[in-house]
Amino acid sequence: MPESDSLQVRPALAADAGAIAHLATELGYPTSPPEMRRRLEVLLTRDSHLIAVAELASAVVGWVAVEHRLLLESGERAEIVGLVVAGQSRRAGVGAALVRVAEAWVREHGISVISVRSNIARTEAHPFYDRLGYVRAKTQHAYRKDLTAPSPE
């Protein structure tokens, strides 16, 4: 998966857990390295997932996670479910390189469409996806319920 002499994109390893956790935390999803390692150890064994990291000078500066799903209502699909680039490495081609690897993986799985969701608050990400040829398909609300909290009923 190499992209250039200085930027390398490769499959993630469980040993990357600390760097991946740090980047997830930078994006606003605080995760400890042990918890990230636990997640990686599960996801890296699944053929339905790709997790790749980008390295500059042997340091992990970004990661992408892609999931291949079969949905009852819409059939097969692939989605970039996570994409993070370290603040100091943004606008240097790292994100685009990670997306290219994601798209290649999706094509290899015989899927012709890839999607990504981007939080409305991540305004810098929207033109990034536009530049890469992604088209806004819809706007939606995301709901969450804490099942450990008392029921409002």
N, C-alpha and C. Protein backbone atom coordinates (compact mmCIF):
# COMPACT_ATOMS: atom_id res chain seq x y z
N MET A 1 0.79 -1.20 0.00
CA MET A 1 0.00 0.00 0.00
C MET A 1 0.84 1.28 0.00
N PRO A 2 2.10 1.29 -0.35
CA PRO A 2 2.88 2.52 -0.25
C PRO A 2 2.35 3.60 -1.16
N GLU A 3 2.41 4.84 -0.70
CA GLU A 3 1.93 5.99 -1.46
C GLU A 3 3.09 6.81 -2.03
N SER A 4 4.18 6.96 -1.30
CA SER A 4 5.33 7.72 -1.79
C SER A 4 6.52 7.38 -0.92
N ASP A 5 7.66 8.04 -1.19
CA ASP A 5 8.86 7.76 -0.40
C ASP A 5 8.68 8.11 1.07
N SER A 6 7.98 9.21 1.36
CA SER A 6 7.86 9.63 2.75
C SER A 6 6.55 9.18 3.40
N LEU A 7 5.49 9.09 2.63
CA LEU A 7 4.20 8.68 3.17
C LEU A 7 3.97 7.21 2.84
N GLN A 8 3.69 6.43 3.86
CA GLN A 8 3.39 5.01 3.69
C GLN A 8 2.02 4.73 4.28
N VAL A 9 1.17 4.01 3.55
CA VAL A 9 -0.11 3.56 4.07
C VAL A 9 -0.04 2.04 4.11
N ARG A 10 -0.37 1.49 5.27
CA ARG A 10 -0.27 0.05 5.46
C ARG A 10 -1.41 -0.44 6.34
N PRO A 11 -1.66 -1.75 6.33
CA PRO A 11 -2.68 -2.28 7.23
C PRO A 11 -2.29 -2.01 8.69
N ALA A 12 -3.27 -1.70 9.49
CA ALA A 12 -3.02 -1.46 10.91
C ALA A 12 -2.67 -2.77 11.61
N LEU A 13 -1.96 -2.63 12.69
CA LEU A 13 -1.58 -3.75 13.56
C LEU A 13 -2.07 -3.45 14.98
N ALA A 14 -2.24 -4.47 15.78
CA ALA A 14 -2.63 -4.26 17.17
C ALA A 14 -1.60 -3.37 17.87
N ALA A 15 -0.35 -3.46 17.45
CA ALA A 15 0.72 -2.64 18.04
C ALA A 15 0.54 -1.15 17.77
N ASP A 16 -0.33 -0.78 16.83
CA ASP A 16 -0.61 0.63 16.53
C ASP A 16 -1.66 1.22 17.46
N ALA A 17 -2.14 0.45 18.41
CA ALA A 17 -3.26 0.88 19.27
C ALA A 17 -3.00 2.22 19.94
N GLY A 18 -1.82 2.44 20.46
CA GLY A 18 -1.53 3.70 21.15
C GLY A 18 -1.67 4.90 20.24
N ALA A 19 -1.10 4.81 19.05
CA ALA A 19 -1.17 5.92 18.09
C ALA A 19 -2.59 6.12 17.60
N ILE A 20 -3.30 5.05 17.32
CA ILE A 20 -4.68 5.15 16.84
C ILE A 20 -5.56 5.75 17.94
N ALA A 21 -5.37 5.33 19.18
CA ALA A 21 -6.14 5.88 20.30
C ALA A 21 -5.86 7.37 20.46
N HIS A 22 -4.60 7.76 20.33
CA HIS A 22 -4.24 9.18 20.45
C HIS A 22 -4.96 10.00 19.38
N LEU A 23 -4.96 9.51 18.14
CA LEU A 23 -5.61 10.23 17.05
C LEU A 23 -7.13 10.26 17.23
N ALA A 24 -7.72 9.17 17.71
CA ALA A 24 -9.16 9.16 17.96
C ALA A 24 -9.51 10.19 19.04
N THR A 25 -8.66 10.27 20.05
CA THR A 25 -8.87 11.24 21.12
C THR A 25 -8.75 12.66 20.57
N GLU A 26 -7.79 12.89 19.69
CA GLU A 26 -7.61 14.20 19.07
C GLU A 26 -8.87 14.62 18.31
N LEU A 27 -9.56 13.66 17.73
CA LEU A 27 -10.77 13.94 16.97
C LEU A 27 -11.99 14.12 17.88
N GLY A 28 -11.85 13.80 19.16
CA GLY A 28 -12.96 13.98 20.08
C GLY A 28 -13.59 12.69 20.56
N TYR A 29 -12.91 11.56 20.32
CA TYR A 29 -13.39 10.26 20.77
C TYR A 29 -12.36 9.65 21.71
N PRO A 30 -12.32 10.13 22.96
CA PRO A 30 -11.29 9.67 23.90
C PRO A 30 -11.32 8.15 24.07
N THR A 31 -10.19 7.53 23.85
CA THR A 31 -10.05 6.09 23.94
C THR A 31 -8.68 5.77 24.50
N SER A 32 -8.62 4.86 25.44
CA SER A 32 -7.33 4.46 25.99
C SER A 32 -6.64 3.48 25.05
N PRO A 33 -5.32 3.44 25.07
CA PRO A 33 -4.61 2.45 24.24
C PRO A 33 -5.05 1.01 24.51
N PRO A 34 -5.26 0.59 25.78
CA PRO A 34 -5.71 -0.80 25.97
C PRO A 34 -7.08 -1.07 25.35
N GLU A 35 -7.99 -0.11 25.46
CA GLU A 35 -9.31 -0.29 24.86
C GLU A 35 -9.19 -0.34 23.34
N MET A 36 -8.36 0.52 22.77
CA MET A 36 -8.19 0.52 21.31
C MET A 36 -7.56 -0.79 20.86
N ARG A 37 -6.62 -1.31 21.63
CA ARG A 37 -6.01 -2.60 21.28
C ARG A 37 -7.06 -3.71 21.28
N ARG A 38 -7.95 -3.68 22.28
CA ARG A 38 -9.02 -4.68 22.35
C ARG A 38 -9.89 -4.60 21.10
N ARG A 39 -10.27 -3.39 20.70
CA ARG A 39 -11.10 -3.21 19.50
C ARG A 39 -10.36 -3.69 18.25
N LEU A 40 -9.10 -3.30 18.13
CA LEU A 40 -8.31 -3.72 16.97
C LEU A 40 -8.20 -5.22 16.88
N GLU A 41 -7.95 -5.87 18.01
CA GLU A 41 -7.79 -7.32 18.00
C GLU A 41 -9.04 -8.02 17.49
N VAL A 42 -10.20 -7.43 17.70
CA VAL A 42 -11.45 -8.00 17.18
C VAL A 42 -11.61 -7.64 15.70
N LEU A 43 -11.51 -6.35 15.38
CA LEU A 43 -11.80 -5.89 14.02
C LEU A 43 -10.79 -6.36 12.98
N LEU A 44 -9.54 -6.48 13.37
CA LEU A 44 -8.51 -6.89 12.41
C LEU A 44 -8.70 -8.33 11.93
N THR A 45 -9.49 -9.11 12.63
CA THR A 45 -9.75 -10.49 12.23
C THR A 45 -10.95 -10.60 11.29
N ARG A 46 -11.66 -9.52 11.08
CA ARG A 46 -12.88 -9.55 10.27
C ARG A 46 -12.59 -9.17 8.82
N ASP A 47 -13.00 -10.03 7.92
CA ASP A 47 -12.83 -9.75 6.49
C ASP A 47 -13.69 -8.57 6.05
N SER A 48 -14.70 -8.22 6.83
CA SER A 48 -15.61 -7.13 6.47
C SER A 48 -15.08 -5.76 6.86
N HIS A 49 -13.87 -5.71 7.41
CA HIS A 49 -13.30 -4.44 7.85
C HIS A 49 -11.89 -4.25 7.29
N LEU A 50 -11.60 -3.00 6.97
CA LEU A 50 -10.24 -2.58 6.66
C LEU A 50 -9.89 -1.49 7.64
N ILE A 51 -8.75 -1.62 8.26
CA ILE A 51 -8.19 -0.54 9.08
C ILE A 51 -6.77 -0.36 8.59
N ALA A 52 -6.46 0.84 8.13
CA ALA A 52 -5.13 1.14 7.61
C ALA A 52 -4.62 2.40 8.30
N VAL A 53 -3.30 2.47 8.41
CA VAL A 53 -2.67 3.65 9.00
C VAL A 53 -1.74 4.30 7.99
N ALA A 54 -1.55 5.60 8.16
CA ALA A 54 -0.60 6.36 7.35
C ALA A 54 0.57 6.72 8.24
N GLU A 55 1.78 6.49 7.73
CA GLU A 55 3.00 6.80 8.47
C GLU A 55 3.82 7.84 7.72
N LEU A 56 4.35 8.78 8.45
CA LEU A 56 5.35 9.73 7.96
C LEU A 56 6.53 9.62 8.90
N ALA A 57 7.70 9.38 8.36
CA ALA A 57 8.91 9.23 9.17
C ALA A 57 8.68 8.21 10.30
N SER A 58 8.05 7.10 9.99
CA SER A 58 7.78 5.99 10.92
C SER A 58 6.82 6.33 12.04
N ALA A 59 6.13 7.48 11.96
CA ALA A 59 5.13 7.85 12.97
C ALA A 59 3.74 7.75 12.34
N VAL A 60 2.81 7.14 13.05
CA VAL A 60 1.43 7.05 12.57
C VAL A 60 0.80 8.43 12.68
N VAL A 61 0.37 8.96 11.53
CA VAL A 61 -0.21 10.31 11.49
C VAL A 61 -1.66 10.30 11.01
N GLY A 62 -2.21 9.11 10.75
CA GLY A 62 -3.59 9.03 10.35
C GLY A 62 -4.05 7.60 10.25
N TRP A 63 -5.36 7.43 10.23
CA TRP A 63 -5.92 6.10 10.04
C TRP A 63 -7.28 6.19 9.37
N VAL A 64 -7.66 5.12 8.71
CA VAL A 64 -8.97 4.99 8.10
C VAL A 64 -9.54 3.63 8.48
N ALA A 65 -10.85 3.60 8.70
CA ALA A 65 -11.56 2.35 8.96
C ALA A 65 -12.73 2.27 7.98
N VAL A 66 -12.87 1.12 7.33
CA VAL A 66 -13.91 0.91 6.34
C VAL A 66 -14.65 -0.37 6.71
N GLU A 67 -15.96 -0.34 6.52
CA GLU A 67 -16.77 -1.52 6.82
C GLU A 67 -17.59 -1.90 5.60
N HIS A 68 -17.60 -3.17 5.28
CA HIS A 68 -18.43 -3.75 4.22
C HIS A 68 -19.62 -4.37 4.93
N ARG A 69 -20.83 -3.92 4.56
CA ARG A 69 -22.04 -4.38 5.23
C ARG A 69 -23.06 -4.91 4.23
N LEU A 70 -23.93 -5.77 4.71
CA LEU A 70 -25.12 -6.18 3.97
C LEU A 70 -26.31 -5.70 4.80
N LEU A 71 -27.06 -4.75 4.24
CA LEU A 71 -28.21 -4.20 4.94
C LEU A 71 -29.51 -4.73 4.34
N LEU A 72 -30.45 -5.02 5.18
CA LEU A 72 -31.72 -5.56 4.72
C LEU A 72 -32.41 -4.61 3.75
N GLU A 73 -32.40 -3.32 4.06
CA GLU A 73 -33.15 -2.36 3.24
C GLU A 73 -32.44 -1.92 1.97
N SER A 74 -31.12 -1.96 1.95
CA SER A 74 -30.43 -1.40 0.77
C SER A 74 -29.35 -2.31 0.19
N GLY A 75 -29.18 -3.49 0.73
CA GLY A 75 -28.21 -4.43 0.18
C GLY A 75 -26.79 -4.15 0.61
N GLU A 76 -25.85 -4.54 -0.26
CA GLU A 76 -24.43 -4.38 0.06
C GLU A 76 -24.00 -2.93 -0.02
N ARG A 77 -23.13 -2.56 0.90
CA ARG A 77 -22.56 -1.21 0.87
C ARG A 77 -21.24 -1.20 1.61
N ALA A 78 -20.47 -0.19 1.34
CA ALA A 78 -19.22 0.02 2.06
C ALA A 78 -19.23 1.45 2.57
N GLU A 79 -18.71 1.61 3.75
CA GLU A 79 -18.70 2.94 4.36
C GLU A 79 -17.38 3.18 5.07
N ILE A 80 -16.84 4.37 4.85
CA ILE A 80 -15.72 4.83 5.66
C ILE A 80 -16.33 5.20 7.00
N VAL A 81 -16.01 4.44 8.03
CA VAL A 81 -16.61 4.67 9.34
C VAL A 81 -15.70 5.47 10.26
N GLY A 82 -14.48 5.70 9.83
CA GLY A 82 -13.56 6.53 10.59
C GLY A 82 -12.40 6.97 9.72
N LEU A 83 -12.06 8.25 9.82
CA LEU A 83 -10.91 8.80 9.11
C LEU A 83 -10.35 9.92 9.97
N VAL A 84 -9.10 9.76 10.38
CA VAL A 84 -8.47 10.76 11.24
C VAL A 84 -7.06 11.03 10.73
N VAL A 85 -6.72 12.31 10.66
CA VAL A 85 -5.36 12.73 10.33
C VAL A 85 -4.92 13.69 11.43
N ALA A 86 -3.72 13.49 11.94
CA ALA A 86 -3.18 14.36 12.99
C ALA A 86 -3.20 15.81 12.51
N GLY A 87 -3.49 16.71 13.43
CA GLY A 87 -3.59 18.12 13.10
C GLY A 87 -2.41 18.65 12.32
N GLN A 88 -1.20 18.31 12.73
CA GLN A 88 0.01 18.84 12.07
C GLN A 88 0.25 18.22 10.70
N SER A 89 -0.49 17.16 10.35
CA SER A 89 -0.29 16.49 9.06
C SER A 89 -1.43 16.73 8.08
N ARG A 90 -2.40 17.54 8.47
CA ARG A 90 -3.52 17.82 7.57
C ARG A 90 -3.08 18.70 6.41
N ARG A 91 -3.80 18.57 5.31
CA ARG A 91 -3.56 19.32 4.08
C ARG A 91 -2.22 18.97 3.44
N ALA A 92 -1.76 17.75 3.70
CA ALA A 92 -0.49 17.28 3.13
C ALA A 92 -0.70 16.02 2.29
N GLY A 93 -1.95 15.67 2.01
CA GLY A 93 -2.23 14.50 1.20
C GLY A 93 -2.44 13.21 1.97
N VAL A 94 -2.34 13.26 3.29
CA VAL A 94 -2.48 12.04 4.09
C VAL A 94 -3.91 11.51 4.01
N GLY A 95 -4.88 12.38 4.22
CA GLY A 95 -6.28 11.96 4.17
C GLY A 95 -6.65 11.41 2.81
N ALA A 96 -6.22 12.08 1.75
CA ALA A 96 -6.51 11.61 0.40
C ALA A 96 -5.89 10.24 0.14
N ALA A 97 -4.67 10.03 0.63
CA ALA A 97 -4.01 8.73 0.46
C ALA A 97 -4.79 7.63 1.19
N LEU A 98 -5.26 7.93 2.38
CA LEU A 98 -6.04 6.95 3.14
C LEU A 98 -7.36 6.64 2.42
N VAL A 99 -8.01 7.65 1.87
CA VAL A 99 -9.26 7.43 1.14
C VAL A 99 -9.01 6.60 -0.12
N ARG A 100 -7.91 6.85 -0.82
CA ARG A 100 -7.59 6.04 -2.01
C ARG A 100 -7.44 4.56 -1.65
N VAL A 101 -6.79 4.28 -0.53
CA VAL A 101 -6.62 2.89 -0.09
C VAL A 101 -7.98 2.30 0.26
N ALA A 102 -8.82 3.08 0.93
CA ALA A 102 -10.17 2.61 1.28
C ALA A 102 -10.96 2.27 0.01
N GLU A 103 -10.90 3.18 -0.97
CA GLU A 103 -11.64 2.96 -2.22
C GLU A 103 -11.12 1.73 -2.96
N ALA A 104 -9.83 1.53 -2.98
CA ALA A 104 -9.26 0.35 -3.65
C ALA A 104 -9.74 -0.93 -2.96
N TRP A 105 -9.78 -0.93 -1.64
CA TRP A 105 -10.24 -2.10 -0.89
C TRP A 105 -11.70 -2.39 -1.22
N VAL A 106 -12.51 -1.35 -1.30
CA VAL A 106 -13.93 -1.52 -1.61
C VAL A 106 -14.09 -2.10 -3.01
N ARG A 107 -13.34 -1.58 -3.98
CA ARG A 107 -13.40 -2.12 -5.34
C ARG A 107 -13.01 -3.59 -5.36
N GLU A 108 -11.96 -3.94 -4.61
CA GLU A 108 -11.52 -5.35 -4.54
C GLU A 108 -12.61 -6.27 -4.01
N HIS A 109 -13.53 -5.72 -3.23
CA HIS A 109 -14.64 -6.50 -2.69
C HIS A 109 -15.85 -6.47 -3.60
N GLY A 110 -15.69 -5.91 -4.81
CA GLY A 110 -16.76 -5.93 -5.79
C GLY A 110 -17.89 -4.96 -5.52
N ILE A 111 -17.63 -3.95 -4.74
CA ILE A 111 -18.65 -2.95 -4.42
C ILE A 111 -18.35 -1.69 -5.22
N SER A 112 -19.39 -1.12 -5.81
CA SER A 112 -19.17 0.02 -6.71
C SER A 112 -19.41 1.38 -6.07
N VAL A 113 -19.95 1.41 -4.86
CA VAL A 113 -20.24 2.69 -4.20
C VAL A 113 -19.69 2.65 -2.79
N ILE A 114 -19.09 3.76 -2.39
CA ILE A 114 -18.59 3.91 -1.01
C ILE A 114 -19.23 5.17 -0.45
N SER A 115 -19.54 5.14 0.84
CA SER A 115 -20.13 6.32 1.48
C SER A 115 -19.32 6.69 2.71
N VAL A 116 -19.56 7.88 3.17
CA VAL A 116 -18.93 8.38 4.39
C VAL A 116 -19.89 9.36 5.03
N ARG A 117 -19.91 9.40 6.34
CA ARG A 117 -20.72 10.38 7.07
C ARG A 117 -19.76 11.37 7.71
N SER A 118 -20.15 12.62 7.70
CA SER A 118 -19.30 13.65 8.29
C SER A 118 -20.16 14.55 9.17
N ASN A 119 -19.79 14.64 10.43
CA ASN A 119 -20.52 15.46 11.38
C ASN A 119 -20.63 16.89 10.84
N ILE A 120 -21.79 17.48 10.98
CA ILE A 120 -22.01 18.83 10.49
C ILE A 120 -21.03 19.82 11.12
N ALA A 121 -20.56 19.52 12.32
CA ALA A 121 -19.62 20.41 13.02
C ALA A 121 -18.21 20.34 12.42
N ARG A 122 -17.90 19.32 11.63
CA ARG A 122 -16.56 19.17 11.04
C ARG A 122 -16.52 19.87 9.68
N THR A 123 -16.65 21.18 9.73
CA THR A 123 -16.79 21.96 8.50
C THR A 123 -15.58 21.83 7.58
N GLU A 124 -14.38 21.60 8.13
CA GLU A 124 -13.19 21.46 7.29
C GLU A 124 -13.19 20.14 6.52
N ALA A 125 -13.95 19.17 6.99
CA ALA A 125 -13.99 17.87 6.31
C ALA A 125 -14.89 17.90 5.08
N HIS A 126 -15.90 18.73 5.07
CA HIS A 126 -16.86 18.71 3.97
C HIS A 126 -16.23 19.08 2.63
N PRO A 127 -15.46 20.18 2.52
CA PRO A 127 -14.81 20.45 1.24
C PRO A 127 -13.77 19.39 0.86
N PHE A 128 -13.17 18.74 1.85
CA PHE A 128 -12.22 17.65 1.59
C PHE A 128 -12.92 16.54 0.80
N TYR A 129 -14.07 16.10 1.30
CA TYR A 129 -14.80 15.04 0.60
C TYR A 129 -15.32 15.52 -0.75
N ASP A 130 -15.76 16.77 -0.82
CA ASP A 130 -16.19 17.32 -2.12
C ASP A 130 -15.06 17.23 -3.14
N ARG A 131 -13.86 17.62 -2.74
CA ARG A 131 -12.70 17.59 -3.66
C ARG A 131 -12.40 16.19 -4.15
N LEU A 132 -12.69 15.19 -3.33
CA LEU A 132 -12.42 13.80 -3.70
C LEU A 132 -13.55 13.18 -4.51
N GLY A 133 -14.57 13.98 -4.83
CA GLY A 133 -15.66 13.49 -5.66
C GLY A 133 -16.85 12.91 -4.93
N TYR A 134 -16.88 13.05 -3.61
CA TYR A 134 -18.03 12.56 -2.85
C TYR A 134 -19.14 13.59 -2.96
N VAL A 135 -20.39 13.12 -3.05
CA VAL A 135 -21.55 13.98 -3.21
C VAL A 135 -22.44 13.82 -1.98
N ARG A 136 -22.87 14.94 -1.45
CA ARG A 136 -23.75 14.90 -0.27
C ARG A 136 -25.07 14.24 -0.68
N ALA A 137 -25.42 13.15 -0.01
CA ALA A 137 -26.61 12.39 -0.36
C ALA A 137 -27.81 12.75 0.50
N LYS A 138 -27.58 13.08 1.76
CA LYS A 138 -28.70 13.44 2.63
C LYS A 138 -28.18 14.06 3.92
N THR A 139 -29.10 14.70 4.61
CA THR A 139 -28.83 15.22 5.95
C THR A 139 -29.78 14.49 6.88
N GLN A 140 -29.28 14.10 8.04
CA GLN A 140 -30.13 13.34 8.95
C GLN A 140 -29.80 13.68 10.39
N HIS A 141 -30.66 13.27 11.29
CA HIS A 141 -30.42 13.40 12.71
C HIS A 141 -29.90 12.06 13.21
N ALA A 142 -29.01 12.10 14.18
CA ALA A 142 -28.52 10.87 14.80
C ALA A 142 -29.01 10.86 16.24
N TYR A 143 -29.65 9.79 16.63
CA TYR A 143 -30.19 9.65 17.97
C TYR A 143 -29.39 8.62 18.74
N ARG A 144 -29.35 8.79 20.03
CA ARG A 144 -28.64 7.87 20.90
C ARG A 144 -29.44 7.71 22.19
N LYS A 145 -29.39 6.54 22.76
CA LYS A 145 -30.07 6.28 24.03
C LYS A 145 -29.14 5.48 24.92
N ASP A 146 -28.92 5.96 26.12
CA ASP A 146 -28.12 5.24 27.11
C ASP A 146 -29.02 4.22 27.78
N LEU A 147 -28.78 2.95 27.50
CA LEU A 147 -29.64 1.89 28.04
C LEU A 147 -29.36 1.59 29.50
N THR A 148 -28.33 2.21 30.07
CA THR A 148 -28.08 2.03 31.50
C THR A 148 -28.76 3.12 32.32
N ALA A 149 -29.27 4.15 31.67
CA ALA A 149 -29.96 5.25 32.38
C ALA A 149 -31.40 4.86 32.68
N PRO A 150 -31.98 5.45 33.73
CA PRO A 150 -33.40 5.15 34.02
C PRO A 150 -34.28 5.57 32.85
N SER A 151 -35.30 4.79 32.59
CA SER A 151 -36.23 5.07 31.50
C SER A 151 -37.08 6.29 31.83
N PRO A 152 -37.34 7.17 30.86
CA PRO A 152 -38.14 8.37 31.13
C PRO A 152 -39.63 8.07 31.31
N GLU A 153 -40.04 6.85 31.14
CA GLU A 153 -41.46 6.47 31.22
C GLU A 153 -41.99 6.52 32.62
